[in-house]
């Protein structure tokens, strides 16, 4: 199970995944891929995928590209699960 919030991009064409969260008991890659397909509504789609996410290599293999990057740093015990969460980049 995945919960997704997507919107039209503020600039340019297509949609942006604002945030997506996969249930803790689910394998994260397939639900997040399905979220990209569904949220795109047949057009271009973008989102913030953390580098350690197992989703990233699958998206790159499918032709997605990295357009921007930030540095994600965390201390032990951090509550952000990079495997299951696609956050709004302003939250990192």
PDB file of N, CA and C in Angstrom:
ATOM      1  N   UNK A   1       0.836  -1.174   0.000  1.00  0.00           N
ATOM      2  CA  UNK A   1       0.000   0.000   0.000  1.00  0.00           C
ATOM      3  C   UNK A   1       0.886   1.244   0.000  1.00  0.00           C
ATOM      4  N   UNK A   2       0.488   2.222  -0.791  1.00  0.00           N
ATOM      5  CA  UNK A   2       1.225   3.488  -0.863  1.00  0.00           C
ATOM      6  C   UNK A   2       0.221   4.638  -0.841  1.00  0.00           C
ATOM      7  N   UNK A   3       0.562   5.687  -0.136  1.00  0.00           N
ATOM      8  CA  UNK A   3      -0.240   6.907  -0.121  1.00  0.00           C
ATOM      9  C   UNK A   3       0.547   7.947  -0.910  1.00  0.00           C
ATOM     10  N   UNK A   4      -0.102   8.568  -1.886  1.00  0.00           N
ATOM     11  CA  UNK A   4       0.581   9.504  -2.783  1.00  0.00           C
ATOM     12  C   UNK A   4      -0.210  10.798  -2.890  1.00  0.00           C
ATOM     13  N   UNK A   5       0.504  11.904  -2.909  1.00  0.00           N
ATOM     14  CA  UNK A   5      -0.091  13.202  -3.198  1.00  0.00           C
ATOM     15  C   UNK A   5       0.706  13.799  -4.352  1.00  0.00           C
ATOM     16  N   UNK A   6       0.035  14.055  -5.476  1.00  0.00           N
ATOM     17  CA  UNK A   6       0.695  14.632  -6.649  1.00  0.00           C
ATOM     18  C   UNK A   6      -0.061  15.879  -7.070  1.00  0.00           C
ATOM     19  N   UNK A   7       0.635  16.769  -7.769  1.00  0.00           N
ATOM     20  CA  UNK A   7       0.029  18.012  -8.234  1.00  0.00           C
ATOM     21  C   UNK A   7       0.629  18.398  -9.587  1.00  0.00           C
ATOM     22  N   UNK A   8       0.003  19.356 -10.243  1.00  0.00           N
ATOM     23  CA  UNK A   8       0.581  19.905 -11.465  1.00  0.00           C
ATOM     24  C   UNK A   8       1.847  20.667 -11.092  1.00  0.00           C
ATOM     25  N   UNK A   9       2.839  20.603 -11.967  1.00  0.00           N
ATOM     26  CA  UNK A   9       4.078  21.344 -11.707  1.00  0.00           C
ATOM     27  C   UNK A   9       3.807  22.845 -11.754  1.00  0.00           C
ATOM     28  N   UNK A  10       4.504  23.589 -10.921  1.00  0.00           N
ATOM     29  CA  UNK A  10       4.330  25.046 -10.905  1.00  0.00           C
ATOM     30  C   UNK A  10       4.875  25.681 -12.179  1.00  0.00           C
ATOM     31  N   UNK A  11       5.961  25.112 -12.699  1.00  0.00           N
ATOM     32  CA  UNK A  11       6.548  25.582 -13.954  1.00  0.00           C
ATOM     33  C   UNK A  11       6.730  24.396 -14.870  1.00  0.00           C
ATOM     34  N   UNK A  12       6.507  24.595 -16.134  1.00  0.00           N
ATOM     35  CA  UNK A  12       6.687  23.502 -17.080  1.00  0.00           C
ATOM     36  C   UNK A  12       5.477  22.600 -17.156  1.00  0.00           C
ATOM     37  N   UNK A  13       5.665  21.518 -17.869  1.00  0.00           N
ATOM     38  CA  UNK A  13       4.570  20.576 -18.081  1.00  0.00           C
ATOM     39  C   UNK A  13       4.655  19.422 -17.109  1.00  0.00           C
ATOM     40  N   UNK A  14       3.559  18.689 -16.992  1.00  0.00           N
ATOM     41  CA  UNK A  14       3.548  17.464 -16.213  1.00  0.00           C
ATOM     42  C   UNK A  14       3.126  17.659 -14.766  1.00  0.00           C
ATOM     43  N   UNK A  15       3.397  16.620 -14.003  1.00  0.00           N
ATOM     44  CA  UNK A  15       2.984  16.587 -12.601  1.00  0.00           C
ATOM     45  C   UNK A  15       4.193  16.306 -11.719  1.00  0.00           C
ATOM     46  N   UNK A  16       4.055  16.575 -10.438  1.00  0.00           N
ATOM     47  CA  UNK A  16       5.102  16.390  -9.447  1.00  0.00           C
ATOM     48  C   UNK A  16       4.523  15.577  -8.295  1.00  0.00           C
ATOM     49  N   UNK A  17       5.233  14.542  -7.872  1.00  0.00           N
ATOM     50  CA  UNK A  17       4.806  13.791  -6.684  1.00  0.00           C
ATOM     51  C   UNK A  17       5.257  14.596  -5.477  1.00  0.00           C
ATOM     52  N   UNK A  18       4.307  15.156  -4.783  1.00  0.00           N
ATOM     53  CA  UNK A  18       4.568  16.000  -3.622  1.00  0.00           C
ATOM     54  C   UNK A  18       5.117  15.164  -2.468  1.00  0.00           C
ATOM     55  N   UNK A  19       4.500  14.016  -2.243  1.00  0.00           N
ATOM     56  CA  UNK A  19       5.010  13.070  -1.250  1.00  0.00           C
ATOM     57  C   UNK A  19       4.357  11.717  -1.480  1.00  0.00           C
ATOM     58  N   UNK A  20       5.083  10.676  -1.118  1.00  0.00           N
ATOM     59  CA  UNK A  20       4.570   9.301  -1.196  1.00  0.00           C
ATOM     60  C   UNK A  20       5.137   8.526  -0.019  1.00  0.00           C
ATOM     61  N   UNK A  21       4.315   7.692   0.586  1.00  0.00           N
ATOM     62  CA  UNK A  21       4.722   6.879   1.724  1.00  0.00           C
ATOM     63  C   UNK A  21       4.223   5.462   1.502  1.00  0.00           C
ATOM     64  N   UNK A  22       5.118   4.489   1.646  1.00  0.00           N
ATOM     65  CA  UNK A  22       4.765   3.075   1.499  1.00  0.00           C
ATOM     66  C   UNK A  22       4.595   2.466   2.890  1.00  0.00           C
ATOM     67  N   UNK A  23       3.590   1.604   3.037  1.00  0.00           N
ATOM     68  CA  UNK A  23       3.345   0.934   4.316  1.00  0.00           C
ATOM     69  C   UNK A  23       4.589   0.181   4.785  1.00  0.00           C
ATOM     70  N   UNK A  24       4.852   0.168   6.089  1.00  0.00           N
ATOM     71  CA  UNK A  24       6.058  -0.473   6.612  1.00  0.00           C
ATOM     72  C   UNK A  24       6.182  -1.960   6.281  1.00  0.00           C
ATOM     73  N   UNK A  25       5.081  -2.629   6.058  1.00  0.00           N
ATOM     74  CA  UNK A  25       5.126  -4.069   5.791  1.00  0.00           C
ATOM     75  C   UNK A  25       5.245  -4.401   4.311  1.00  0.00           C
ATOM     76  N   UNK A  26       5.182  -3.392   3.444  1.00  0.00           N
ATOM     77  CA  UNK A  26       5.206  -3.634   1.997  1.00  0.00           C
ATOM     78  C   UNK A  26       6.606  -3.453   1.432  1.00  0.00           C
ATOM     79  N   UNK A  27       6.907  -4.208   0.381  1.00  0.00           N
ATOM     80  CA  UNK A  27       8.141  -4.005  -0.382  1.00  0.00           C
ATOM     81  C   UNK A  27       7.938  -2.679  -1.119  1.00  0.00           C
ATOM     82  N   UNK A  28       8.900  -1.723  -1.062  1.00  0.00           N
ATOM     83  CA  UNK A  28       8.610  -0.365  -1.524  1.00  0.00           C
ATOM     84  C   UNK A  28       8.670  -0.106  -3.027  1.00  0.00           C
ATOM     85  N   UNK A  29       9.444  -0.857  -3.803  1.00  0.00           N
ATOM     86  CA  UNK A  29       9.703  -0.466  -5.187  1.00  0.00           C
ATOM     87  C   UNK A  29       8.455  -0.535  -6.065  1.00  0.00           C
ATOM     88  N   UNK A  30       7.777  -1.650  -6.103  1.00  0.00           N
ATOM     89  CA  UNK A  30       6.622  -1.795  -6.998  1.00  0.00           C
ATOM     90  C   UNK A  30       5.500  -0.806  -6.681  1.00  0.00           C
ATOM     91  N   UNK A  31       5.142  -0.593  -5.402  1.00  0.00           N
ATOM     92  CA  UNK A  31       4.103   0.418  -5.138  1.00  0.00           C
ATOM     93  C   UNK A  31       4.515   1.827  -5.553  1.00  0.00           C
ATOM     94  N   UNK A  32       5.793   2.182  -5.377  1.00  0.00           N
ATOM     95  CA  UNK A  32       6.237   3.513  -5.778  1.00  0.00           C
ATOM     96  C   UNK A  32       6.277   3.657  -7.300  1.00  0.00           C
ATOM     97  N   UNK A  33       6.658   2.598  -8.012  1.00  0.00           N
ATOM     98  CA  UNK A  33       6.593   2.644  -9.482  1.00  0.00           C
ATOM     99  C   UNK A  33       5.151   2.839  -9.943  1.00  0.00           C
ATOM    100  N   UNK A  34       4.234   2.128  -9.315  1.00  0.00           N
ATOM    101  CA  UNK A  34       2.814   2.277  -9.656  1.00  0.00           C
ATOM    102  C   UNK A  34       2.334   3.695  -9.350  1.00  0.00           C
ATOM    103  N   UNK A  35       2.847   4.300  -8.284  1.00  0.00           N
ATOM    104  CA  UNK A  35       2.475   5.673  -7.943  1.00  0.00           C
ATOM    105  C   UNK A  35       2.929   6.640  -9.033  1.00  0.00           C
ATOM    106  N   UNK A  36       4.136   6.434  -9.569  1.00  0.00           N
ATOM    107  CA  UNK A  36       4.612   7.280 -10.660  1.00  0.00           C
ATOM    108  C   UNK A  36       3.699   7.165 -11.867  1.00  0.00           C
ATOM    109  N   UNK A  37       3.349   5.961 -12.248  1.00  0.00           N
ATOM    110  CA  UNK A  37       2.502   5.749 -13.430  1.00  0.00           C
ATOM    111  C   UNK A  37       1.129   6.377 -13.217  1.00  0.00           C
ATOM    112  N   UNK A  38       0.533   6.132 -12.068  1.00  0.00           N
ATOM    113  CA  UNK A  38      -0.814   6.648 -11.793  1.00  0.00           C
ATOM    114  C   UNK A  38      -0.815   8.176 -11.693  1.00  0.00           C
ATOM    115  N   UNK A  39       0.132   8.732 -10.959  1.00  0.00           N
ATOM    116  CA  UNK A  39       0.166  10.184 -10.747  1.00  0.00           C
ATOM    117  C   UNK A  39       0.485  10.948 -12.023  1.00  0.00           C
ATOM    118  N   UNK A  40       1.188  10.317 -12.954  1.00  0.00           N
ATOM    119  CA  UNK A  40       1.569  10.994 -14.199  1.00  0.00           C
ATOM    120  C   UNK A  40       0.373  11.326 -15.076  1.00  0.00           C
ATOM    121  N   UNK A  41      -0.692  10.572 -14.945  1.00  0.00           N
ATOM    122  CA  UNK A  41      -1.887  10.770 -15.763  1.00  0.00           C
ATOM    123  C   UNK A  41      -1.554  10.795 -17.253  1.00  0.00           C
ATOM    124  N   UNK A  42      -0.568   9.968 -17.652  1.00  0.00           N
ATOM    125  CA  UNK A  42      -0.204   9.846 -19.056  1.00  0.00           C
ATOM    126  C   UNK A  42       0.774  10.884 -19.559  1.00  0.00           C
ATOM    127  N   UNK A  43       1.253  11.774 -18.695  1.00  0.00           N
ATOM    128  CA  UNK A  43       2.197  12.815 -19.108  1.00  0.00           C
ATOM    129  C   UNK A  43       3.490  12.721 -18.318  1.00  0.00           C
ATOM    130  N   UNK A  44       4.311  13.756 -18.395  1.00  0.00           N
ATOM    131  CA  UNK A  44       5.569  13.755 -17.648  1.00  0.00           C
ATOM    132  C   UNK A  44       5.328  13.795 -16.137  1.00  0.00           C
ATOM    133  N   UNK A  45       6.230  13.180 -15.398  1.00  0.00           N
ATOM    134  CA  UNK A  45       6.116  13.127 -13.932  1.00  0.00           C
ATOM    135  C   UNK A  45       7.503  13.305 -13.326  1.00  0.00           C
ATOM    136  N   UNK A  46       7.565  13.904 -12.150  1.00  0.00           N
ATOM    137  CA  UNK A  46       8.823  14.087 -11.425  1.00  0.00           C
ATOM    138  C   UNK A  46       8.554  13.916  -9.940  1.00  0.00           C
ATOM    139  N   UNK A  47       9.613  13.690  -9.180  1.00  0.00           N
ATOM    140  CA  UNK A  47       9.486  13.557  -7.735  1.00  0.00           C
ATOM    141  C   UNK A  47      10.849  13.562  -7.084  1.00  0.00           C
ATOM    142  N   UNK A  48      10.853  13.617  -5.782  1.00  0.00           N
ATOM    143  CA  UNK A  48      12.094  13.627  -5.005  1.00  0.00           C
ATOM    144  C   UNK A  48      12.347  12.214  -4.484  1.00  0.00           C
ATOM    145  N   UNK A  49      13.371  11.557  -5.029  1.00  0.00           N
ATOM    146  CA  UNK A  49      13.708  10.186  -4.624  1.00  0.00           C
ATOM    147  C   UNK A  49      15.075  10.220  -3.956  1.00  0.00           C
ATOM    148  N   UNK A  50      15.144   9.740  -2.730  1.00  0.00           N
ATOM    149  CA  UNK A  50      16.414   9.728  -2.004  1.00  0.00           C
ATOM    150  C   UNK A  50      17.391   8.755  -2.657  1.00  0.00           C
ATOM    151  N   UNK A  51      18.665   9.106  -2.670  1.00  0.00           N
ATOM    152  CA  UNK A  51      19.697   8.286  -3.296  1.00  0.00           C
ATOM    153  C   UNK A  51      19.736   6.848  -2.822  1.00  0.00           C
ATOM    154  N   UNK A  52      19.558   6.576  -1.515  1.00  0.00           N
ATOM    155  CA  UNK A  52      19.612   5.183  -1.071  1.00  0.00           C
ATOM    156  C   UNK A  52      18.371   4.365  -1.418  1.00  0.00           C
ATOM    157  N   UNK A  53      17.343   5.003  -1.959  1.00  0.00           N
ATOM    158  CA  UNK A  53      16.104   4.292  -2.263  1.00  0.00           C
ATOM    159  C   UNK A  53      16.331   3.232  -3.335  1.00  0.00           C
ATOM    160  N   UNK A  54      15.793   2.017  -3.144  1.00  0.00           N
ATOM    161  CA  UNK A  54      15.899   0.993  -4.184  1.00  0.00           C
ATOM    162  C   UNK A  54      15.097   1.355  -5.431  1.00  0.00           C
ATOM    163  N   UNK A  55      14.265   2.380  -5.347  1.00  0.00           N
ATOM    164  CA  UNK A  55      13.494   2.847  -6.493  1.00  0.00           C
ATOM    165  C   UNK A  55      14.377   3.578  -7.505  1.00  0.00           C
ATOM    166  N   UNK A  56      15.399   4.283  -7.033  1.00  0.00           N
ATOM    167  CA  UNK A  56      16.207   5.130  -7.912  1.00  0.00           C
ATOM    168  C   UNK A  56      16.816   4.375  -9.093  1.00  0.00           C
ATOM    169  N   UNK A  57      17.489   3.225  -8.907  1.00  0.00           N
ATOM    170  CA  UNK A  57      18.040   2.533 -10.077  1.00  0.00           C
ATOM    171  C   UNK A  57      16.972   2.101 -11.075  1.00  0.00           C
ATOM    172  N   UNK A  58      15.806   1.725 -10.581  1.00  0.00           N
ATOM    173  CA  UNK A  58      14.717   1.313 -11.482  1.00  0.00           C
ATOM    174  C   UNK A  58      14.244   2.483 -12.335  1.00  0.00           C
ATOM    175  N   UNK A  59      14.127   3.674 -11.718  1.00  0.00           N
ATOM    176  CA  UNK A  59      13.706   4.849 -12.476  1.00  0.00           C
ATOM    177  C   UNK A  59      14.767   5.250 -13.500  1.00  0.00           C
ATOM    178  N   UNK A  60      16.027   5.203 -13.105  1.00  0.00           N
ATOM    179  CA  UNK A  60      17.101   5.539 -14.042  1.00  0.00           C
ATOM    180  C   UNK A  60      17.131   4.560 -15.211  1.00  0.00           C
ATOM    181  N   UNK A  61      16.930   3.270 -14.937  1.00  0.00           N
ATOM    182  CA  UNK A  61      16.876   2.260 -16.004  1.00  0.00           C
ATOM    183  C   UNK A  61      15.697   2.494 -16.948  1.00  0.00           C
ATOM    184  N   UNK A  62      14.622   3.094 -16.419  1.00  0.00           N
ATOM    185  CA  UNK A  62      13.430   3.353 -17.229  1.00  0.00           C
ATOM    186  C   UNK A  62      13.544   4.656 -18.026  1.00  0.00           C
ATOM    187  N   UNK A  63      14.662   5.385 -17.866  1.00  0.00           N
ATOM    188  CA  UNK A  63      14.862   6.596 -18.650  1.00  0.00           C
ATOM    189  C   UNK A  63      14.709   7.895 -17.880  1.00  0.00           C
ATOM    190  N   UNK A  64      14.373   7.814 -16.601  1.00  0.00           N
ATOM    191  CA  UNK A  64      14.315   9.035 -15.803  1.00  0.00           C
ATOM    192  C   UNK A  64      15.724   9.587 -15.656  1.00  0.00           C
ATOM    193  N   UNK A  65      15.833  10.865 -15.332  1.00  0.00           N
ATOM    194  CA  UNK A  65      17.150  11.455 -15.136  1.00  0.00           C
ATOM    195  C   UNK A  65      17.151  12.300 -13.861  1.00  0.00           C
ATOM    196  N   UNK A  66      18.327  12.480 -13.309  1.00  0.00           N
ATOM    197  CA  UNK A  66      18.499  13.311 -12.121  1.00  0.00           C
ATOM    198  C   UNK A  66      18.648  14.749 -12.609  1.00  0.00           C
ATOM    199  N   UNK A  67      17.721  15.613 -12.205  1.00  0.00           N
ATOM    200  CA  UNK A  67      17.745  17.002 -12.649  1.00  0.00           C
ATOM    201  C   UNK A  67      18.327  17.929 -11.589  1.00  0.00           C
ATOM    202  N   UNK A  68      18.352  17.498 -10.357  1.00  0.00           N
ATOM    203  CA  UNK A  68      18.853  18.307  -9.261  1.00  0.00           C
ATOM    204  C   UNK A  68      19.192  17.351  -8.123  1.00  0.00           C
ATOM    205  N   UNK A  69      20.017  17.791  -7.216  1.00  0.00           N
ATOM    206  CA  UNK A  69      20.308  16.941  -6.071  1.00  0.00           C
ATOM    207  C   UNK A  69      20.599  17.791  -4.842  1.00  0.00           C
ATOM    208  N   UNK A  70      20.303  17.220  -3.697  1.00  0.00           N
ATOM    209  CA  UNK A  70      20.577  17.813  -2.399  1.00  0.00           C
ATOM    210  C   UNK A  70      21.367  16.799  -1.594  1.00  0.00           C
ATOM    211  N   UNK A  71      21.972  17.235  -0.527  1.00  0.00           N
ATOM    212  CA  UNK A  71      22.673  16.328   0.383  1.00  0.00           C
ATOM    213  C   UNK A  71      21.739  15.966   1.522  1.00  0.00           C
ATOM    214  N   UNK A  72      21.535  14.679   1.721  1.00  0.00           N
ATOM    215  CA  UNK A  72      20.690  14.186   2.810  1.00  0.00           C
ATOM    216  C   UNK A  72      21.607  13.662   3.906  1.00  0.00           C
ATOM    217  N   UNK A  73      21.526  14.257   5.073  1.00  0.00           N
ATOM    218  CA  UNK A  73      22.331  13.810   6.204  1.00  0.00           C
ATOM    219  C   UNK A  73      21.378  13.481   7.343  1.00  0.00           C
ATOM    220  N   UNK A  74      21.710  12.430   8.085  1.00  0.00           N
ATOM    221  CA  UNK A  74      20.836  12.023   9.183  1.00  0.00           C
ATOM    222  C   UNK A  74      21.663  11.458  10.320  1.00  0.00           C
ATOM    223  N   UNK A  75      21.154  11.616  11.507  1.00  0.00           N
ATOM    224  CA  UNK A  75      21.770  11.049  12.700  1.00  0.00           C
ATOM    225  C   UNK A  75      21.128   9.702  12.992  1.00  0.00           C
ATOM    226  N   UNK A  76      21.785   8.861  13.796  1.00  0.00           N
ATOM    227  CA  UNK A  76      21.155   7.599  14.186  1.00  0.00           C
ATOM    228  C   UNK A  76      19.791   7.863  14.830  1.00  0.00           C
ATOM    229  N   UNK A  77      18.841   7.014  14.498  1.00  0.00           N
ATOM    230  CA  UNK A  77      17.498   7.159  15.046  1.00  0.00           C
ATOM    231  C   UNK A  77      16.602   8.107  14.263  1.00  0.00           C
ATOM    232  N   UNK A  78      17.080   8.596  13.110  1.00  0.00           N
ATOM    233  CA  UNK A  78      16.269   9.503  12.308  1.00  0.00           C
ATOM    234  C   UNK A  78      14.996   8.782  11.859  1.00  0.00           C
ATOM    235  N   UNK A  79      13.913   9.515  11.730  1.00  0.00           N
ATOM    236  CA  UNK A  79      12.628   8.896  11.387  1.00  0.00           C
ATOM    237  C   UNK A  79      12.332   8.890   9.892  1.00  0.00           C
ATOM    238  N   UNK A  80      13.216   9.406   9.053  1.00  0.00           N
ATOM    239  CA  UNK A  80      12.991   9.416   7.607  1.00  0.00           C
ATOM    240  C   UNK A  80      13.533   8.117   7.022  1.00  0.00           C
ATOM    241  N   UNK A  81      12.638   7.290   6.489  1.00  0.00           N
ATOM    242  CA  UNK A  81      13.014   6.026   5.864  1.00  0.00           C
ATOM    243  C   UNK A  81      13.155   6.259   4.361  1.00  0.00           C
ATOM    244  N   UNK A  82      14.391   6.372   3.890  1.00  0.00           N
ATOM    245  CA  UNK A  82      14.638   6.685   2.479  1.00  0.00           C
ATOM    246  C   UNK A  82      14.121   5.607   1.534  1.00  0.00           C
ATOM    247  N   UNK A  83      13.903   4.384   2.017  1.00  0.00           N
ATOM    248  CA  UNK A  83      13.374   3.314   1.174  1.00  0.00           C
ATOM    249  C   UNK A  83      11.878   3.472   0.936  1.00  0.00           C
ATOM    250  N   UNK A  84      11.146   4.042   1.876  1.00  0.00           N
ATOM    251  CA  UNK A  84       9.682   4.047   1.841  1.00  0.00           C
ATOM    252  C   UNK A  84       9.058   5.418   1.703  1.00  0.00           C
ATOM    253  N   UNK A  85       9.879   6.453   1.692  1.00  0.00           N
ATOM    254  CA  UNK A  85       9.337   7.811   1.687  1.00  0.00           C
ATOM    255  C   UNK A  85       9.886   8.610   0.520  1.00  0.00           C
ATOM    256  N   UNK A  86       9.013   9.259  -0.203  1.00  0.00           N
ATOM    257  CA  UNK A  86       9.392  10.269  -1.187  1.00  0.00           C
ATOM    258  C   UNK A  86       8.850  11.582  -0.649  1.00  0.00           C
ATOM    259  N   UNK A  87       9.676  12.359   0.031  1.00  0.00           N
ATOM    260  CA  UNK A  87       9.181  13.600   0.663  1.00  0.00           C
ATOM    261  C   UNK A  87       9.169  14.774  -0.300  1.00  0.00           C
ATOM    262  N   UNK A  88       8.490  15.804   0.093  1.00  0.00           N
ATOM    263  CA  UNK A  88       8.646  17.080  -0.591  1.00  0.00           C
ATOM    264  C   UNK A  88      10.068  17.529  -0.301  1.00  0.00           C
ATOM    265  N   UNK A  89      10.835  17.970  -1.303  1.00  0.00           N
ATOM    266  CA  UNK A  89      12.233  18.306  -1.054  1.00  0.00           C
ATOM    267  C   UNK A  89      12.428  19.409  -0.027  1.00  0.00           C
ATOM    268  N   UNK A  90      11.438  20.242   0.189  1.00  0.00           N
ATOM    269  CA  UNK A  90      11.538  21.283   1.203  1.00  0.00           C
ATOM    270  C   UNK A  90      11.519  20.734   2.618  1.00  0.00           C
ATOM    271  N   UNK A  91      11.143  19.468   2.773  1.00  0.00           N
ATOM    272  CA  UNK A  91      11.085  18.866   4.101  1.00  0.00           C
ATOM    273  C   UNK A  91      12.409  18.256   4.528  1.00  0.00           C
ATOM    274  N   UNK A  92      13.343  18.080   3.594  1.00  0.00           N
ATOM    275  CA  UNK A  92      14.625  17.471   3.940  1.00  0.00           C
ATOM    276  C   UNK A  92      15.613  18.504   4.401  1.00  0.00           C
TER     277      UNK A  92
END
